[in-house]
Amino acid sequence: MALLADWSESEDEEEWERHVPLFSDIVSRWCRKGYIDVYEGPEPPAWMDGRRITGAELDRLLADPAAWRYREHPDSVFGLALGENVREIAEPPEEPEALAAPAR
């Protein structure tokens, strides 16, 4: 996943590995909430012809620093896709009536 390279703004894979625990936790929690899904596929984008990874398999994948490394010619790729509950975080919450501007 290119996520760690983008986050660290570094090409150093050792730098990326320092961020694996943080992003493993974030991705795992967001998957459980349905905000995102993780897919494994033959080529990018993984969600197109790939399979969704969940449960214990997802936990093992996310905890494995090797899964986050860049590979020049991978046998498969992993990618993120929007989950079914993404609107919970993508749309701003509605303004409560008590805080709404008074009608004129």
Protein backbone atom coordinates (compact mmCIF):
# COMPACT_ATOMS: atom_id res chain seq x y z
CA MET A 1 0.00 0.00 0.00
CA ALA A 2 1.36 3.41 -0.93
CA LEU A 3 -0.33 4.92 2.10
CA LEU A 4 2.80 4.92 4.27
CA ALA A 5 5.01 6.37 1.54
CA ASP A 6 2.52 9.18 1.01
CA TRP A 7 2.12 9.81 4.76
CA SER A 8 5.83 9.87 5.54
CA GLU A 9 6.74 11.73 2.33
CA SER A 10 9.76 9.44 2.23
CA GLU A 11 11.14 6.77 -0.07
CA ASP A 12 12.81 5.06 2.90
CA GLU A 13 10.96 1.82 3.71
CA GLU A 14 12.42 1.78 7.21
CA GLU A 15 10.67 5.11 7.78
CA TRP A 16 7.42 3.59 6.51
CA GLU A 17 7.62 0.67 8.94
CA ARG A 18 7.61 3.05 11.90
CA HIS A 19 4.07 4.02 10.92
CA VAL A 20 2.68 0.48 10.46
CA PRO A 21 1.19 0.21 13.99
CA LEU A 22 -0.62 3.54 13.69
CA PHE A 23 -2.06 2.87 10.25
CA SER A 24 -2.81 -0.76 11.03
CA ASP A 25 -4.98 0.42 13.91
CA ILE A 26 -6.68 3.16 11.86
CA VAL A 27 -7.43 0.90 8.89
CA SER A 28 -8.68 -1.90 11.15
CA ARG A 29 -11.04 0.42 13.07
CA TRP A 30 -12.34 2.09 9.90
CA CYS A 31 -12.96 -1.33 8.31
CA ARG A 32 -14.95 -2.48 11.36
CA LYS A 33 -17.06 0.69 11.14
CA GLY A 34 -17.65 0.18 7.41
CA TYR A 35 -15.90 3.38 6.31
CA ILE A 36 -13.36 1.55 4.14
CA ASP A 37 -12.71 -1.97 2.85
CA VAL A 38 -9.39 -3.66 2.08
CA TYR A 39 -9.05 -5.71 -1.09
CA GLU A 40 -6.42 -7.99 -2.56
CA GLY A 41 -6.33 -8.21 -6.33
CA PRO A 42 -4.12 -9.12 -9.28
CA GLU A 43 -3.40 -5.46 -10.13
CA PRO A 44 -4.46 -1.93 -9.15
CA PRO A 45 -7.16 -1.07 -8.37
CA ALA A 46 -7.43 -4.15 -6.16
CA TRP A 47 -11.17 -3.75 -5.56
CA MET A 48 -11.98 -4.12 -9.24
CA ASP A 49 -11.05 -7.79 -9.76
CA GLY A 50 -10.00 -8.64 -6.23
CA ARG A 51 -11.50 -10.00 -3.08
CA ARG A 52 -12.38 -8.22 0.12
CA ILE A 53 -10.26 -9.10 3.15
CA THR A 54 -11.93 -9.16 6.58
CA GLY A 55 -11.67 -10.54 10.10
CA ALA A 56 -8.59 -12.34 11.36
CA GLU A 57 -7.07 -12.38 7.87
CA LEU A 58 -7.28 -8.57 7.75
CA ASP A 59 -5.76 -8.26 11.23
CA ARG A 60 -2.80 -10.47 10.22
CA LEU A 61 -2.31 -8.57 6.97
CA LEU A 62 -2.35 -5.15 8.62
CA ALA A 63 0.06 -6.21 11.39
CA ASP A 64 2.60 -7.59 8.90
CA PRO A 65 5.16 -4.90 7.96
CA ALA A 66 5.94 -6.86 4.76
CA ALA A 67 2.38 -6.24 3.54
CA TRP A 68 3.03 -2.50 3.61
CA ARG A 69 6.29 -2.67 1.61
CA TYR A 70 6.62 -1.60 -1.99
CA ARG A 71 7.20 -4.48 -4.43
CA GLU A 72 8.31 -3.83 -7.99
CA HIS A 73 6.45 -6.81 -9.53
CA PRO A 74 3.98 -8.13 -6.96
CA ASP A 75 1.95 -11.30 -7.39
CA SER A 76 -0.98 -9.36 -5.93
CA VAL A 77 -1.73 -5.88 -4.62
CA PHE A 78 -3.70 -4.55 -1.69
CA GLY A 79 -5.88 -1.48 -1.83
CA LEU A 80 -8.50 0.47 0.03
CA ALA A 81 -11.99 1.23 -1.20
CA LEU A 82 -14.84 3.21 0.29
CA GLY A 83 -17.07 1.16 2.58
CA GLU A 84 -20.83 1.17 2.86
CA ASN A 85 -20.83 3.55 5.86
CA VAL A 86 -18.44 6.13 4.41
CA ARG A 87 -21.16 8.79 4.41
CA GLU A 88 -20.94 8.88 8.21
CA ILE A 89 -17.56 10.57 7.86
CA ALA A 90 -17.80 12.07 4.36
CA GLU A 91 -20.82 14.30 4.87
CA PRO A 92 -20.92 17.06 7.48
CA PRO A 93 -23.37 16.46 10.30
CA GLU A 94 -26.66 18.27 10.15
CA GLU A 95 -26.85 21.46 12.16
CA PRO A 96 -28.93 21.00 15.33
CA GLU A 97 -32.08 23.12 15.32
CA ALA A 98 -31.13 24.83 18.59
CA LEU A 99 -27.94 26.17 17.00
CA ALA A 100 -29.50 27.14 13.68
CA ALA A 101 -29.72 30.82 12.84
CA PRO A 102 -33.06 32.35 13.85
CA ALA A 103 -35.59 32.83 11.07
CA ARG A 104 -36.15 36.44 9.96
